[in-house]
């Protein structure tokens, strides 16, 4: 059912559609767990991509990232994004990108299964990492669950955004402002947009930030992207990989959830 909320058309899912999205989400979860088990020094990001695509296709699903279009750029060539250390998002897997002890790697993965999309991301340590690095991962994952807890009635998307930003900033980190969470359903990117921050007062209107009330059946991907240094980014010449300008470490966690009358349902884990 399409509901128009604050001028934005949002597809509210039925319980049957939410069940179908959970099935897609479980395929993505299995792909992530297979990649997690393979993350170690000496493994290439191309090998992780191969592992994820094999899991997805073995379940009869289709990698939703592969061939994904972007204006003025080549279509995305892989089934996952693999972003190492100061790479925030959209890193392209390559046999030449070899993981080293002490790295961190953010893996984002999505699939379409029986017409519905599952989408989630995790950041994993490669071997032993410094305590400060592990804290970045823990805070980023904590921000994800703080935001999920805010995805309840009668809140709005703005409340989810503020929960993310407040949690991250309390712990001394920055959030990426240019990249947002989003609706998910039959397409990977649907309305509403769910930023990881929210500008105050009239600035929200100037920047075209529109908060919409949460409604049962709304399915969204919440994805904090947390930076240890300044929230300044740039895109590499491959037209996909986004990195921090000061080369500070960053992490990314994501789950697809369904809003209900009660607690939200996480659709990308058992």
C-alpha atoms as a PDB file:
ATOM      1  CA  UNK A   1       0.000   0.000   0.000  1.00  0.00           C
ATOM      2  CA  UNK A   2       1.330   3.444  -0.919  1.00  0.00           C
ATOM      3  CA  UNK A   3       0.975   6.062   1.805  1.00  0.00           C
ATOM      4  CA  UNK A   4       1.789   9.718   1.207  1.00  0.00           C
ATOM      5  CA  UNK A   5       3.497  11.102   4.306  1.00  0.00           C
ATOM      6  CA  UNK A   6       4.587  14.728   4.343  1.00  0.00           C
ATOM      7  CA  UNK A   7       4.448  14.731   0.559  1.00  0.00           C
ATOM      8  CA  UNK A   8       6.549  11.572   0.114  1.00  0.00           C
ATOM      9  CA  UNK A   9       5.106   8.344  -1.306  1.00  0.00           C
ATOM     10  CA  UNK A  10       6.132   5.379   0.820  1.00  0.00           C
ATOM     11  CA  UNK A  11       5.352   1.732   0.172  1.00  0.00           C
ATOM     12  CA  UNK A  12       3.998   0.202   3.389  1.00  0.00           C
ATOM     13  CA  UNK A  13       4.463  -3.563   3.312  1.00  0.00           C
ATOM     14  CA  UNK A  14       1.955  -6.226   4.304  1.00  0.00           C
ATOM     15  CA  UNK A  15       2.903  -8.930   6.793  1.00  0.00           C
ATOM     16  CA  UNK A  16       3.388 -11.336   3.882  1.00  0.00           C
ATOM     17  CA  UNK A  17       5.733  -8.892   2.164  1.00  0.00           C
ATOM     18  CA  UNK A  18       7.683  -8.406   5.394  1.00  0.00           C
ATOM     19  CA  UNK A  19       8.049 -12.184   5.662  1.00  0.00           C
ATOM     20  CA  UNK A  20       9.378 -12.250   2.077  1.00  0.00           C
ATOM     21  CA  UNK A  21      11.841  -9.489   2.913  1.00  0.00           C
ATOM     22  CA  UNK A  22      13.006 -11.477   5.928  1.00  0.00           C
ATOM     23  CA  UNK A  23      13.754 -14.412   3.627  1.00  0.00           C
ATOM     24  CA  UNK A  24      15.856 -12.131   1.423  1.00  0.00           C
ATOM     25  CA  UNK A  25      17.521 -10.723   4.523  1.00  0.00           C
ATOM     26  CA  UNK A  26      18.470 -14.185   5.732  1.00  0.00           C
ATOM     27  CA  UNK A  27      20.229 -14.901   2.438  1.00  0.00           C
ATOM     28  CA  UNK A  28      22.271 -11.731   2.932  1.00  0.00           C
ATOM     29  CA  UNK A  29      22.977 -12.759   6.525  1.00  0.00           C
ATOM     30  CA  UNK A  30      24.322 -16.127   5.351  1.00  0.00           C
ATOM     31  CA  UNK A  31      26.551 -14.354   2.830  1.00  0.00           C
ATOM     32  CA  UNK A  32      27.907 -12.087   5.553  1.00  0.00           C
ATOM     33  CA  UNK A  33      28.619 -14.972   7.903  1.00  0.00           C
ATOM     34  CA  UNK A  34      30.509 -16.800   5.140  1.00  0.00           C
ATOM     35  CA  UNK A  35      32.575 -13.667   4.481  1.00  0.00           C
ATOM     36  CA  UNK A  36      33.189 -13.124   8.192  1.00  0.00           C
ATOM     37  CA  UNK A  37      34.640 -16.615   8.464  1.00  0.00           C
ATOM     38  CA  UNK A  38      36.967 -15.877   5.526  1.00  0.00           C
ATOM     39  CA  UNK A  39      38.260 -12.491   6.730  1.00  0.00           C
ATOM     40  CA  UNK A  40      41.934 -12.917   7.613  1.00  0.00           C
ATOM     41  CA  UNK A  41      45.320 -11.528   6.554  1.00  0.00           C
ATOM     42  CA  UNK A  42      46.216 -12.576   2.995  1.00  0.00           C
ATOM     43  CA  UNK A  43      42.630 -12.785   1.674  1.00  0.00           C
ATOM     44  CA  UNK A  44      41.693 -10.548  -1.242  1.00  0.00           C
ATOM     45  CA  UNK A  45      38.494  -8.543  -1.430  1.00  0.00           C
ATOM     46  CA  UNK A  46      37.782 -10.314  -4.741  1.00  0.00           C
ATOM     47  CA  UNK A  47      37.715 -13.629  -2.866  1.00  0.00           C
ATOM     48  CA  UNK A  48      35.220 -12.214  -0.367  1.00  0.00           C
ATOM     49  CA  UNK A  49      33.077 -11.062  -3.279  1.00  0.00           C
ATOM     50  CA  UNK A  50      33.219 -14.548  -4.801  1.00  0.00           C
ATOM     51  CA  UNK A  51      32.165 -16.114  -1.501  1.00  0.00           C
ATOM     52  CA  UNK A  52      29.184 -13.787  -1.096  1.00  0.00           C
ATOM     53  CA  UNK A  53      27.997 -14.196  -4.683  1.00  0.00           C
ATOM     54  CA  UNK A  54      28.214 -17.983  -4.387  1.00  0.00           C
ATOM     55  CA  UNK A  55      26.042 -17.984  -1.254  1.00  0.00           C
ATOM     56  CA  UNK A  56      23.511 -15.639  -2.845  1.00  0.00           C
ATOM     57  CA  UNK A  57      23.184 -17.603  -6.076  1.00  0.00           C
ATOM     58  CA  UNK A  58      23.143 -20.966  -4.285  1.00  0.00           C
ATOM     59  CA  UNK A  59      19.975 -19.737  -2.541  1.00  0.00           C
ATOM     60  CA  UNK A  60      18.378 -18.836  -5.858  1.00  0.00           C
ATOM     61  CA  UNK A  61      18.794 -15.111  -5.224  1.00  0.00           C
ATOM     62  CA  UNK A  62      20.422 -12.376  -7.313  1.00  0.00           C
ATOM     63  CA  UNK A  63      23.142  -9.962  -6.150  1.00  0.00           C
ATOM     64  CA  UNK A  64      21.444  -6.564  -6.174  1.00  0.00           C
ATOM     65  CA  UNK A  65      24.686  -4.549  -6.208  1.00  0.00           C
ATOM     66  CA  UNK A  66      26.101  -6.178  -9.344  1.00  0.00           C
ATOM     67  CA  UNK A  67      25.461  -3.936 -12.324  1.00  0.00           C
ATOM     68  CA  UNK A  68      23.916  -1.239 -10.148  1.00  0.00           C
ATOM     69  CA  UNK A  69      23.848   1.975 -12.194  1.00  0.00           C
ATOM     70  CA  UNK A  70      25.232   5.358 -11.227  1.00  0.00           C
ATOM     71  CA  UNK A  71      25.091   8.530 -13.266  1.00  0.00           C
ATOM     72  CA  UNK A  72      28.368   9.380 -15.059  1.00  0.00           C
ATOM     73  CA  UNK A  73      30.014   6.196 -13.737  1.00  0.00           C
ATOM     74  CA  UNK A  74      30.391   2.591 -14.885  1.00  0.00           C
ATOM     75  CA  UNK A  75      27.868   0.170 -13.378  1.00  0.00           C
ATOM     76  CA  UNK A  76      29.068  -1.364 -10.121  1.00  0.00           C
ATOM     77  CA  UNK A  77      31.030  -4.505 -11.067  1.00  0.00           C
ATOM     78  CA  UNK A  78      30.687  -6.727  -7.991  1.00  0.00           C
ATOM     79  CA  UNK A  79      28.215  -8.366  -5.602  1.00  0.00           C
ATOM     80  CA  UNK A  80      29.536  -6.607  -2.485  1.00  0.00           C
ATOM     81  CA  UNK A  81      31.254  -3.385  -1.597  1.00  0.00           C
ATOM     82  CA  UNK A  82      34.508  -3.917   0.285  1.00  0.00           C
ATOM     83  CA  UNK A  83      35.941  -0.822   1.970  1.00  0.00           C
ATOM     84  CA  UNK A  84      39.228  -1.004   3.887  1.00  0.00           C
ATOM     85  CA  UNK A  85      40.357   1.269   6.729  1.00  0.00           C
ATOM     86  CA  UNK A  86      39.782   4.891   5.583  1.00  0.00           C
ATOM     87  CA  UNK A  87      37.413   3.826   2.784  1.00  0.00           C
ATOM     88  CA  UNK A  88      33.915   4.642   3.972  1.00  0.00           C
ATOM     89  CA  UNK A  89      31.684   2.950   1.385  1.00  0.00           C
ATOM     90  CA  UNK A  90      31.477   1.557  -2.148  1.00  0.00           C
ATOM     91  CA  UNK A  91      34.945   0.023  -2.328  1.00  0.00           C
ATOM     92  CA  UNK A  92      35.272  -2.163  -5.430  1.00  0.00           C
ATOM     93  CA  UNK A  93      36.523  -5.730  -4.758  1.00  0.00           C
ATOM     94  CA  UNK A  94      39.800  -6.592  -6.467  1.00  0.00           C
ATOM     95  CA  UNK A  95      42.278  -9.480  -6.456  1.00  0.00           C
ATOM     96  CA  UNK A  96      44.927  -6.831  -5.764  1.00  0.00           C
ATOM     97  CA  UNK A  97      43.314  -5.622  -2.522  1.00  0.00           C
ATOM     98  CA  UNK A  98      44.845  -7.980   0.037  1.00  0.00           C
ATOM     99  CA  UNK A  99      43.852  -7.763   3.699  1.00  0.00           C
ATOM    100  CA  UNK A 100      46.616  -7.201   6.243  1.00  0.00           C
ATOM    101  CA  UNK A 101      46.849  -7.800   9.972  1.00  0.00           C
ATOM    102  CA  UNK A 102      45.320  -4.849  11.805  1.00  0.00           C
ATOM    103  CA  UNK A 103      43.074  -3.695   8.951  1.00  0.00           C
ATOM    104  CA  UNK A 104      39.340  -3.245   9.271  1.00  0.00           C
ATOM    105  CA  UNK A 105      37.013  -4.012   6.380  1.00  0.00           C
ATOM    106  CA  UNK A 106      33.445  -2.823   5.852  1.00  0.00           C
ATOM    107  CA  UNK A 107      31.407  -5.280   3.794  1.00  0.00           C
ATOM    108  CA  UNK A 108      28.034  -4.239   2.390  1.00  0.00           C
ATOM    109  CA  UNK A 109      25.909  -6.866   0.681  1.00  0.00           C
ATOM    110  CA  UNK A 110      22.441  -7.075  -0.825  1.00  0.00           C
ATOM    111  CA  UNK A 111      20.326  -9.509  -2.793  1.00  0.00           C
ATOM    112  CA  UNK A 112      16.943  -9.808  -4.425  1.00  0.00           C
ATOM    113  CA  UNK A 113      15.030 -12.960  -3.504  1.00  0.00           C
ATOM    114  CA  UNK A 114      11.489 -13.692  -4.712  1.00  0.00           C
ATOM    115  CA  UNK A 115      11.145 -10.056  -5.723  1.00  0.00           C
ATOM    116  CA  UNK A 116      12.285  -8.420  -2.477  1.00  0.00           C
ATOM    117  CA  UNK A 117      15.593  -6.943  -1.365  1.00  0.00           C
ATOM    118  CA  UNK A 118      17.717  -7.639   1.703  1.00  0.00           C
ATOM    119  CA  UNK A 119      20.539  -5.196   2.508  1.00  0.00           C
ATOM    120  CA  UNK A 120      22.999  -5.102   5.400  1.00  0.00           C
ATOM    121  CA  UNK A 121      26.601  -4.241   6.265  1.00  0.00           C
ATOM    122  CA  UNK A 122      29.199  -5.160   8.872  1.00  0.00           C
ATOM    123  CA  UNK A 123      32.726  -3.996   9.663  1.00  0.00           C
ATOM    124  CA  UNK A 124      35.172  -6.697  10.716  1.00  0.00           C
ATOM    125  CA  UNK A 125      38.656  -6.553  12.226  1.00  0.00           C
ATOM    126  CA  UNK A 126      41.375  -8.378  10.299  1.00  0.00           C
ATOM    127  CA  UNK A 127      43.318 -10.364  12.862  1.00  0.00           C
ATOM    128  CA  UNK A 128      44.284  -8.351  15.941  1.00  0.00           C
ATOM    129  CA  UNK A 129      43.487  -4.628  15.945  1.00  0.00           C
ATOM    130  CA  UNK A 130      44.325  -1.899  18.423  1.00  0.00           C
ATOM    131  CA  UNK A 131      41.836  -1.247  21.254  1.00  0.00           C
ATOM    132  CA  UNK A 132      41.046   2.196  19.829  1.00  0.00           C
ATOM    133  CA  UNK A 133      40.127   0.594  16.508  1.00  0.00           C
ATOM    134  CA  UNK A 134      37.926  -1.971  18.199  1.00  0.00           C
ATOM    135  CA  UNK A 135      36.174   0.837  20.060  1.00  0.00           C
ATOM    136  CA  UNK A 136      35.298   2.501  16.728  1.00  0.00           C
ATOM    137  CA  UNK A 137      33.631  -0.718  15.570  1.00  0.00           C
ATOM    138  CA  UNK A 138      31.779  -1.150  18.855  1.00  0.00           C
ATOM    139  CA  UNK A 139      30.468   2.417  18.823  1.00  0.00           C
ATOM    140  CA  UNK A 140      29.332   2.134  15.210  1.00  0.00           C
ATOM    141  CA  UNK A 141      27.438  -1.079  15.911  1.00  0.00           C
ATOM    142  CA  UNK A 142      26.047   0.502  19.076  1.00  0.00           C
ATOM    143  CA  UNK A 143      24.793   3.450  17.023  1.00  0.00           C
ATOM    144  CA  UNK A 144      22.956   1.045  14.729  1.00  0.00           C
ATOM    145  CA  UNK A 145      21.049  -0.541  17.611  1.00  0.00           C
ATOM    146  CA  UNK A 146      20.408   2.840  19.235  1.00  0.00           C
ATOM    147  CA  UNK A 147      18.814   3.978  15.963  1.00  0.00           C
ATOM    148  CA  UNK A 148      16.781   0.770  15.670  1.00  0.00           C
ATOM    149  CA  UNK A 149      15.431   1.316  19.191  1.00  0.00           C
ATOM    150  CA  UNK A 150      14.251   4.754  18.047  1.00  0.00           C
ATOM    151  CA  UNK A 151      12.328   3.286  15.088  1.00  0.00           C
ATOM    152  CA  UNK A 152       9.078   3.000  17.020  1.00  0.00           C
ATOM    153  CA  UNK A 153       5.715   4.756  16.965  1.00  0.00           C
ATOM    154  CA  UNK A 154       4.991   7.641  17.314  1.00  0.00           C
ATOM    155  CA  UNK A 155       8.508   8.701  16.280  1.00  0.00           C
ATOM    156  CA  UNK A 156       9.515  10.105  12.905  1.00  0.00           C
ATOM    157  CA  UNK A 157      12.505   9.404  10.694  1.00  0.00           C
ATOM    158  CA  UNK A 158      14.107  12.521  12.193  1.00  0.00           C
ATOM    159  CA  UNK A 159      14.134  10.798  15.588  1.00  0.00           C
ATOM    160  CA  UNK A 160      16.031   7.836  14.133  1.00  0.00           C
ATOM    161  CA  UNK A 161      18.565  10.216  12.577  1.00  0.00           C
ATOM    162  CA  UNK A 162      19.034  12.145  15.821  1.00  0.00           C
ATOM    163  CA  UNK A 163      19.448   8.940  17.829  1.00  0.00           C
ATOM    164  CA  UNK A 164      22.299   7.930  15.508  1.00  0.00           C
ATOM    165  CA  UNK A 165      24.052  11.293  15.588  1.00  0.00           C
ATOM    166  CA  UNK A 166      23.663  11.797  19.337  1.00  0.00           C
ATOM    167  CA  UNK A 167      25.079   8.376  20.154  1.00  0.00           C
ATOM    168  CA  UNK A 168      28.064   8.772  17.817  1.00  0.00           C
ATOM    169  CA  UNK A 169      28.912  12.299  18.918  1.00  0.00           C
ATOM    170  CA  UNK A 170      28.658  11.398  22.608  1.00  0.00           C
ATOM    171  CA  UNK A 171      31.422   8.892  21.974  1.00  0.00           C
ATOM    172  CA  UNK A 172      33.659  11.437  20.245  1.00  0.00           C
ATOM    173  CA  UNK A 173      33.219  10.420  16.609  1.00  0.00           C
ATOM    174  CA  UNK A 174      31.724  11.967  13.461  1.00  0.00           C
ATOM    175  CA  UNK A 175      28.931  10.717  11.209  1.00  0.00           C
ATOM    176  CA  UNK A 176      29.049  10.783   7.418  1.00  0.00           C
ATOM    177  CA  UNK A 177      26.535  13.385   6.286  1.00  0.00           C
ATOM    178  CA  UNK A 178      26.421  12.740   2.543  1.00  0.00           C
ATOM    179  CA  UNK A 179      25.245   9.114   2.733  1.00  0.00           C
ATOM    180  CA  UNK A 180      22.009   7.967   4.307  1.00  0.00           C
ATOM    181  CA  UNK A 181      19.827   5.071   5.256  1.00  0.00           C
ATOM    182  CA  UNK A 182      16.827   4.525   3.022  1.00  0.00           C
ATOM    183  CA  UNK A 183      13.656   2.641   2.370  1.00  0.00           C
ATOM    184  CA  UNK A 184      14.000  -0.911   1.035  1.00  0.00           C
ATOM    185  CA  UNK A 185      11.470  -3.187  -0.624  1.00  0.00           C
ATOM    186  CA  UNK A 186      11.145  -4.338  -4.187  1.00  0.00           C
ATOM    187  CA  UNK A 187      13.964  -1.891  -4.935  1.00  0.00           C
ATOM    188  CA  UNK A 188      17.165  -1.396  -2.978  1.00  0.00           C
ATOM    189  CA  UNK A 189      16.600   2.354  -2.667  1.00  0.00           C
ATOM    190  CA  UNK A 190      13.091   3.518  -1.837  1.00  0.00           C
ATOM    191  CA  UNK A 191      11.647   6.327   0.242  1.00  0.00           C
ATOM    192  CA  UNK A 192      12.066   7.531   2.917  1.00  0.00           C
ATOM    193  CA  UNK A 193      15.621   8.777   3.274  1.00  0.00           C
ATOM    194  CA  UNK A 194      17.003   8.290   6.803  1.00  0.00           C
ATOM    195  CA  UNK A 195      20.146  10.408   7.307  1.00  0.00           C
ATOM    196  CA  UNK A 196      22.656   9.759  10.069  1.00  0.00           C
ATOM    197  CA  UNK A 197      22.248  13.349  11.316  1.00  0.00           C
ATOM    198  CA  UNK A 198      19.643  16.087  11.283  1.00  0.00           C
ATOM    199  CA  UNK A 199      20.216  19.819  10.858  1.00  0.00           C
ATOM    200  CA  UNK A 200      18.509  22.165  13.276  1.00  0.00           C
ATOM    201  CA  UNK A 201      15.821  24.714  12.565  1.00  0.00           C
ATOM    202  CA  UNK A 202      15.463  26.368   9.140  1.00  0.00           C
ATOM    203  CA  UNK A 203      18.628  24.657   7.906  1.00  0.00           C
ATOM    204  CA  UNK A 204      16.683  21.396   7.553  1.00  0.00           C
ATOM    205  CA  UNK A 205      14.312  23.056   5.087  1.00  0.00           C
ATOM    206  CA  UNK A 206      17.156  24.664   3.149  1.00  0.00           C
ATOM    207  CA  UNK A 207      18.835  21.265   2.772  1.00  0.00           C
ATOM    208  CA  UNK A 208      15.541  19.576   1.796  1.00  0.00           C
ATOM    209  CA  UNK A 209      15.473  17.310   4.841  1.00  0.00           C
ATOM    210  CA  UNK A 210      11.942  15.969   5.223  1.00  0.00           C
ATOM    211  CA  UNK A 211      10.968  13.988   8.309  1.00  0.00           C
ATOM    212  CA  UNK A 212       8.095  11.541   7.911  1.00  0.00           C
ATOM    213  CA  UNK A 213       6.134   9.807  10.657  1.00  0.00           C
ATOM    214  CA  UNK A 214       6.931   6.159  11.118  1.00  0.00           C
ATOM    215  CA  UNK A 215       4.108   3.803  10.158  1.00  0.00           C
ATOM    216  CA  UNK A 216       3.663   0.031  10.537  1.00  0.00           C
ATOM    217  CA  UNK A 217       4.833  -1.663   7.353  1.00  0.00           C
ATOM    218  CA  UNK A 218       7.600   0.850   6.668  1.00  0.00           C
ATOM    219  CA  UNK A 219      10.807  -1.031   5.826  1.00  0.00           C
ATOM    220  CA  UNK A 220      14.078   0.858   6.028  1.00  0.00           C
ATOM    221  CA  UNK A 221      17.794   0.220   5.999  1.00  0.00           C
ATOM    222  CA  UNK A 222      19.436   1.979   8.922  1.00  0.00           C
ATOM    223  CA  UNK A 223      23.168   2.345   8.358  1.00  0.00           C
ATOM    224  CA  UNK A 224      25.412   4.438  10.588  1.00  0.00           C
ATOM    225  CA  UNK A 225      28.701   5.385   8.925  1.00  0.00           C
ATOM    226  CA  UNK A 226      31.085   6.557  11.623  1.00  0.00           C
ATOM    227  CA  UNK A 227      34.379   8.378  11.185  1.00  0.00           C
ATOM    228  CA  UNK A 228      37.185   8.584  13.738  1.00  0.00           C
ATOM    229  CA  UNK A 229      38.298  11.977  12.387  1.00  0.00           C
ATOM    230  CA  UNK A 230      36.637  14.786  10.461  1.00  0.00           C
ATOM    231  CA  UNK A 231      33.441  14.191   8.488  1.00  0.00           C
ATOM    232  CA  UNK A 232      35.026  15.228   5.197  1.00  0.00           C
ATOM    233  CA  UNK A 233      34.921  12.821   2.269  1.00  0.00           C
ATOM    234  CA  UNK A 234      36.031  12.517  -1.326  1.00  0.00           C
ATOM    235  CA  UNK A 235      35.349  10.092  -4.145  1.00  0.00           C
ATOM    236  CA  UNK A 236      38.220   8.279  -5.855  1.00  0.00           C
ATOM    237  CA  UNK A 237      38.835   8.220  -9.593  1.00  0.00           C
ATOM    238  CA  UNK A 238      36.996   4.882  -9.930  1.00  0.00           C
ATOM    239  CA  UNK A 239      33.813   6.973  -9.402  1.00  0.00           C
ATOM    240  CA  UNK A 240      32.627   4.670  -6.618  1.00  0.00           C
ATOM    241  CA  UNK A 241      35.005   4.389  -3.641  1.00  0.00           C
ATOM    242  CA  UNK A 242      34.438   7.062  -0.979  1.00  0.00           C
ATOM    243  CA  UNK A 243      37.272   7.816   1.456  1.00  0.00           C
ATOM    244  CA  UNK A 244      37.899  10.160   4.379  1.00  0.00           C
ATOM    245  CA  UNK A 245      39.927  13.207   3.375  1.00  0.00           C
ATOM    246  CA  UNK A 246      42.125  12.998   6.474  1.00  0.00           C
ATOM    247  CA  UNK A 247      42.539   9.227   5.998  1.00  0.00           C
ATOM    248  CA  UNK A 248      40.987   8.560   9.391  1.00  0.00           C
ATOM    249  CA  UNK A 249      39.436   5.167  10.009  1.00  0.00           C
ATOM    250  CA  UNK A 250      35.720   4.659   9.497  1.00  0.00           C
ATOM    251  CA  UNK A 251      33.175   1.902  10.045  1.00  0.00           C
ATOM    252  CA  UNK A 252      29.747   0.970   8.679  1.00  0.00           C
ATOM    253  CA  UNK A 253      26.982  -1.234  10.081  1.00  0.00           C
ATOM    254  CA  UNK A 254      23.533  -1.721   8.575  1.00  0.00           C
ATOM    255  CA  UNK A 255      20.341  -3.699   9.095  1.00  0.00           C
ATOM    256  CA  UNK A 256      17.063  -3.640   7.217  1.00  0.00           C
ATOM    257  CA  UNK A 257      14.145  -3.311   9.638  1.00  0.00           C
ATOM    258  CA  UNK A 258      10.352  -3.282   9.545  1.00  0.00           C
ATOM    259  CA  UNK A 259       8.423  -0.785  11.640  1.00  0.00           C
ATOM    260  CA  UNK A 260       5.519  -2.357  13.572  1.00  0.00           C
ATOM    261  CA  UNK A 261       2.942  -1.331  16.177  1.00  0.00           C
ATOM    262  CA  UNK A 262       5.528  -2.427  18.755  1.00  0.00           C
ATOM    263  CA  UNK A 263       9.256  -3.072  18.502  1.00  0.00           C
ATOM    264  CA  UNK A 264      10.890  -3.014  15.064  1.00  0.00           C
ATOM    265  CA  UNK A 265      11.719  -6.326  13.391  1.00  0.00           C
ATOM    266  CA  UNK A 266      15.276  -6.772  12.141  1.00  0.00           C
ATOM    267  CA  UNK A 267      14.925  -8.453   8.762  1.00  0.00           C
ATOM    268  CA  UNK A 268      18.597  -9.161   8.027  1.00  0.00           C
ATOM    269  CA  UNK A 269      19.368 -11.620  10.809  1.00  0.00           C
ATOM    270  CA  UNK A 270      17.688 -14.739  12.196  1.00  0.00           C
END
